[in-house]
Amino acid sequence: MMLAGPASAQSESDFVRAFAGEWQTLDPALSKDGACRVTLEAASNAAGHQVQASHCTGALSDLANWKIVDSQLGLIGADGAVLARLGGNQIRVSGSLAKGGTLVLERLAPGTATTAAAVASNPNTCVFYGYTASCAPAEARQTPVPSGSDEKARASVLVQLNARAEARPDAPVVATIPAGTCVVIDQCTTASDGNWCKASVSNFSGWIRQQAMRGNRWPVLTYAPGCSAPQAQR
């Protein structure tokens, strides 16, 4: 089941059945002492459906319930305020936080408890630097941050790269960014497939994934921090 269009087109019971279960976010801004984990309960209550949350902080520290809000999956605080509105599928949902920023929730497979540390890039693993056959240096694999002289973070795009409407692989493509483009980074978040950043270039903005796979086998760095990107290791 997809949650990209109006949820009202689906019965509420189907919606709850599809999205109830255990989810997590690996965003360090929303996690404390481990990945923020939320269990979306199927049982109804006066506020919708209960949420059990652990290791959550920041914008999710007050998370208490969930329900359909404006045709999306809504996360609700203890005071009844909407904390986030999310769309996606039964494996991954993403959307905007009411306090600003983006949330990516991914379903936990039975018996797993992935942490941010477990999915962080191993510095000893070769991630190819764009189209090259060389490994990206550790500094090129970091999340872009503003420099001392620039109030906006920037990144150098290393490959032809799809920018998507949301921070998930199945979200619609809003544009394709050519290799060699310098983009402004508005915000970043972390998921099980690495960093995603919202990039602005020309007259559009979209989410770009920092690592991709070459031939479904080899990890590739798709962009590096700054517009004078670190050179590949030789």
Protein backbone atom coordinates (compact mmCIF):
# COMPACT_ATOMS: atom_id res chain seq x y z
CA MET A 1 0.00 0.00 0.00
CA MET A 2 1.27 3.45 -0.93
CA LEU A 3 0.54 6.59 1.04
CA ALA A 4 1.25 9.07 -1.71
CA GLY A 5 -2.31 10.08 -2.54
CA PRO A 6 -5.38 10.70 -0.40
CA ALA A 7 -5.57 8.21 2.44
CA SER A 8 -9.34 8.71 2.44
CA ALA A 9 -9.43 6.61 -0.75
CA GLN A 10 -8.41 3.68 1.45
CA SER A 11 -10.48 2.44 4.38
CA GLU A 12 -9.08 3.47 7.75
CA SER A 13 -8.84 -0.15 8.84
CA ASP A 14 -6.73 -1.01 5.77
CA PHE A 15 -4.54 2.01 6.43
CA VAL A 16 -3.99 1.06 10.07
CA ARG A 17 -3.32 -2.57 9.20
CA ALA A 18 -0.76 -1.53 6.58
CA PHE A 19 1.23 0.91 8.70
CA ALA A 20 0.95 -0.44 12.25
CA GLY A 21 4.15 -1.98 13.59
CA GLU A 22 7.70 -1.08 14.57
CA TRP A 23 9.54 1.79 12.86
CA GLN A 24 12.71 3.75 13.48
CA THR A 25 14.61 6.86 12.44
CA LEU A 26 18.39 7.05 12.41
CA ASP A 27 18.50 10.84 12.40
CA PRO A 28 20.84 11.80 15.28
CA ALA A 29 18.83 14.99 15.88
CA LEU A 30 15.82 12.84 16.78
CA SER A 31 17.60 9.96 18.55
CA LYS A 32 19.19 9.63 21.99
CA ASP A 33 21.19 6.62 23.27
CA GLY A 34 20.27 4.63 20.16
CA ALA A 35 17.96 4.92 17.17
CA CYS A 36 14.57 6.49 17.87
CA ARG A 37 12.10 3.60 17.68
CA VAL A 38 8.33 3.95 17.47
CA THR A 39 5.65 1.28 17.53
CA LEU A 40 2.45 2.35 15.79
CA GLU A 41 -0.29 0.47 17.65
CA ALA A 42 -3.37 -0.77 15.81
CA ALA A 43 -5.76 -0.40 18.74
CA SER A 44 -7.87 2.77 18.66
CA ASN A 45 -8.08 5.43 21.34
CA ALA A 46 -9.68 8.87 21.63
CA ALA A 47 -6.73 10.51 19.84
CA GLY A 48 -6.46 7.94 17.04
CA HIS A 49 -4.00 5.13 17.77
CA GLN A 50 -1.33 4.92 20.44
CA VAL A 51 2.41 5.14 19.80
CA GLN A 52 5.07 3.50 21.96
CA ALA A 53 8.32 5.47 21.57
CA SER A 54 11.84 4.88 22.90
CA HIS A 55 15.15 6.73 22.49
CA CYS A 56 13.34 9.63 20.80
CA THR A 57 14.22 13.25 21.41
CA GLY A 58 13.92 16.67 19.78
CA ALA A 59 10.75 17.10 17.74
CA LEU A 60 9.62 13.56 18.65
CA SER A 61 10.15 13.76 22.42
CA ASP A 62 6.40 14.29 22.99
CA LEU A 63 5.17 11.62 20.53
CA ALA A 64 2.04 9.87 21.83
CA ASN A 65 -0.40 8.91 19.03
CA TRP A 66 -0.86 8.53 15.27
CA LYS A 67 -3.75 8.84 12.82
CA ILE A 68 -4.67 10.01 9.32
CA VAL A 69 -4.10 13.78 9.05
CA ASP A 70 -4.81 15.61 5.80
CA SER A 71 -4.58 12.33 3.84
CA GLN A 72 -1.20 11.50 5.37
CA LEU A 73 0.17 9.51 8.29
CA GLY A 74 0.16 11.98 11.17
CA LEU A 75 2.28 11.70 14.30
CA ILE A 76 0.54 13.35 17.25
CA GLY A 77 1.97 14.81 20.47
CA ALA A 78 0.59 14.28 23.96
CA ASP A 79 -1.14 17.67 23.72
CA GLY A 80 -2.88 16.73 20.46
CA ALA A 81 -0.59 18.79 18.23
CA VAL A 82 0.50 17.31 14.90
CA LEU A 83 4.26 16.69 15.08
CA ALA A 84 4.76 15.34 11.54
CA ARG A 85 2.91 14.44 8.34
CA LEU A 86 4.37 11.52 6.39
CA GLY A 87 3.82 9.75 3.07
CA GLY A 88 5.40 6.71 1.46
CA ASN A 89 4.95 2.96 1.59
CA GLN A 90 4.85 0.13 4.13
CA ILE A 91 8.65 0.02 4.30
CA ARG A 92 9.58 3.69 4.45
CA VAL A 93 7.72 6.96 5.02
CA SER A 94 9.02 10.51 5.01
CA GLY A 95 7.75 14.04 5.35
CA SER A 96 7.91 17.33 7.21
CA LEU A 97 8.17 17.98 10.92
CA ALA A 98 5.91 20.73 12.27
CA LYS A 99 8.90 22.40 13.94
CA GLY A 100 10.90 22.34 10.70
CA GLY A 101 13.09 19.69 9.16
CA THR A 102 12.38 16.27 7.70
CA LEU A 103 11.61 12.88 9.23
CA VAL A 104 12.33 9.51 7.63
CA LEU A 105 10.82 6.45 9.33
CA GLU A 106 11.80 2.93 8.24
CA ARG A 107 10.07 -0.27 9.24
CA LEU A 108 12.05 -2.63 11.45
CA ALA A 109 12.29 -6.20 10.22
CA PRO A 110 11.39 -8.77 12.89
CA GLY A 111 14.26 -9.41 15.27
CA THR A 112 16.38 -6.47 14.14
CA ALA A 113 17.43 -3.34 15.99
CA THR A 114 19.52 -1.32 13.59
CA THR A 115 21.38 1.61 15.14
CA ALA A 116 22.93 4.62 13.54
CA ALA A 117 26.36 3.27 14.46
CA ALA A 118 25.65 -0.03 12.75
CA VAL A 119 24.77 1.58 9.43
CA ALA A 120 27.41 4.31 9.48
CA SER A 121 29.89 4.05 6.65
CA ASN A 122 32.87 1.92 7.61
CA PRO A 123 35.97 4.05 6.96
CA ASN A 124 37.79 0.91 5.82
CA THR A 125 35.22 0.19 3.11
CA CYS A 126 35.96 1.61 -0.32
CA VAL A 127 33.21 3.90 -1.57
CA PHE A 128 34.09 4.88 -5.13
CA TYR A 129 34.50 8.60 -5.75
CA GLY A 130 31.85 9.32 -8.37
CA TYR A 131 32.63 7.77 -11.74
CA THR A 132 36.27 7.06 -10.82
CA ALA A 133 37.89 3.78 -9.81
CA SER A 134 39.37 5.45 -6.72
CA CYS A 135 38.11 5.40 -3.14
CA ALA A 136 36.55 8.53 -1.67
CA PRO A 137 38.52 10.03 1.24
CA ALA A 138 36.82 10.06 4.63
CA GLU A 139 36.24 13.83 4.54
CA ALA A 140 34.34 13.54 1.24
CA ARG A 141 31.88 11.12 2.83
CA GLN A 142 30.75 13.54 5.54
CA THR A 143 27.44 15.40 5.64
CA PRO A 144 27.81 18.86 4.04
CA VAL A 145 27.90 21.69 6.60
CA PRO A 146 28.30 25.46 6.18
CA SER A 147 31.86 26.74 5.99
CA GLY A 148 33.01 29.57 8.21
CA SER A 149 32.54 32.08 5.40
CA ASP A 150 29.27 30.70 4.00
CA GLU A 151 25.95 30.58 5.82
CA LYS A 152 24.74 27.77 3.54
CA ALA A 153 26.26 24.31 3.14
CA ARG A 154 27.25 23.40 -0.41
CA ALA A 155 28.11 20.18 -2.20
CA SER A 156 29.75 19.08 -5.44
CA VAL A 157 27.69 16.57 -7.42
CA LEU A 158 30.00 13.81 -8.70
CA VAL A 159 27.61 11.80 -10.90
CA GLN A 160 24.39 12.41 -12.81
CA LEU A 161 22.00 12.38 -9.89
CA ASN A 162 18.22 12.27 -9.50
CA ALA A 163 16.71 14.79 -7.08
CA ARG A 164 13.51 13.45 -5.50
CA ALA A 165 10.47 15.04 -3.90
CA GLU A 166 11.07 13.20 -0.61
CA ALA A 167 14.02 11.51 1.09
CA ARG A 168 13.27 7.99 -0.13
CA PRO A 169 14.19 6.02 -3.27
CA ASP A 170 10.61 5.62 -4.56
CA ALA A 171 9.70 9.32 -4.34
CA PRO A 172 9.03 11.14 -7.63
CA VAL A 173 12.06 12.56 -9.45
CA VAL A 174 11.82 16.36 -9.66
CA ALA A 175 15.00 16.89 -11.69
CA THR A 176 18.25 15.26 -12.76
CA ILE A 177 21.39 17.11 -11.68
CA PRO A 178 24.45 16.84 -13.98
CA ALA A 179 27.83 15.83 -12.61
CA GLY A 180 29.97 18.83 -11.77
CA THR A 181 27.08 20.94 -10.45
CA CYS A 182 27.53 22.93 -7.24
CA VAL A 183 24.34 22.75 -5.15
CA VAL A 184 23.20 24.56 -2.01
CA ILE A 185 22.26 22.19 0.82
CA ASP A 186 19.22 23.25 2.84
CA GLN A 187 19.04 20.33 5.29
CA CYS A 188 20.14 16.70 5.70
CA THR A 189 18.84 13.59 7.39
CA THR A 190 20.12 10.04 7.92
CA ALA A 191 18.47 6.76 6.91
CA SER A 192 19.60 3.15 6.62
CA ASP A 193 20.88 3.85 3.10
CA GLY A 194 23.02 6.78 4.26
CA ASN A 195 22.72 10.54 4.20
CA TRP A 196 20.03 12.35 2.23
CA CYS A 197 20.25 16.11 1.73
CA LYS A 198 17.79 18.61 0.28
CA ALA A 199 19.63 20.45 -2.48
CA SER A 200 18.70 23.68 -4.25
CA VAL A 201 19.94 24.49 -7.73
CA SER A 202 18.53 26.82 -10.37
CA ASN A 203 14.77 27.03 -9.80
CA PHE A 204 14.12 23.70 -8.06
CA SER A 205 15.00 21.77 -4.94
CA GLY A 206 14.96 18.05 -4.20
CA TRP A 207 16.40 15.32 -2.01
CA ILE A 208 19.64 13.66 -3.11
CA ARG A 209 21.18 10.49 -1.71
CA GLN A 210 24.89 10.62 -0.89
CA GLN A 211 25.62 6.99 -1.75
CA ALA A 212 24.36 4.85 -4.61
CA MET A 213 25.25 1.43 -6.00
CA ARG A 214 27.17 0.79 -9.20
CA GLY A 215 26.02 -2.38 -10.92
CA ASN A 216 23.97 -3.23 -7.82
CA ARG A 217 27.25 -4.14 -6.15
CA TRP A 218 29.73 -1.30 -5.59
CA PRO A 219 29.00 1.72 -3.35
CA VAL A 220 29.52 5.08 -5.05
CA LEU A 221 29.76 8.55 -3.53
CA THR A 222 27.35 10.80 -5.44
CA TYR A 223 28.30 14.17 -3.93
CA ALA A 224 30.93 15.55 -1.58
CA PRO A 225 30.86 18.49 0.85
CA GLY A 226 31.88 21.87 -0.51
CA CYS A 227 32.28 23.06 -4.06
CA SER A 228 36.01 22.43 -4.04
CA ALA A 229 35.53 18.78 -3.23
CA PRO A 230 38.33 16.63 -1.76
CA GLN A 231 40.12 14.55 -4.36
CA ALA A 232 39.80 10.78 -4.55
CA GLN A 233 42.43 8.58 -2.96
CA ARG A 234 44.80 7.02 -5.47
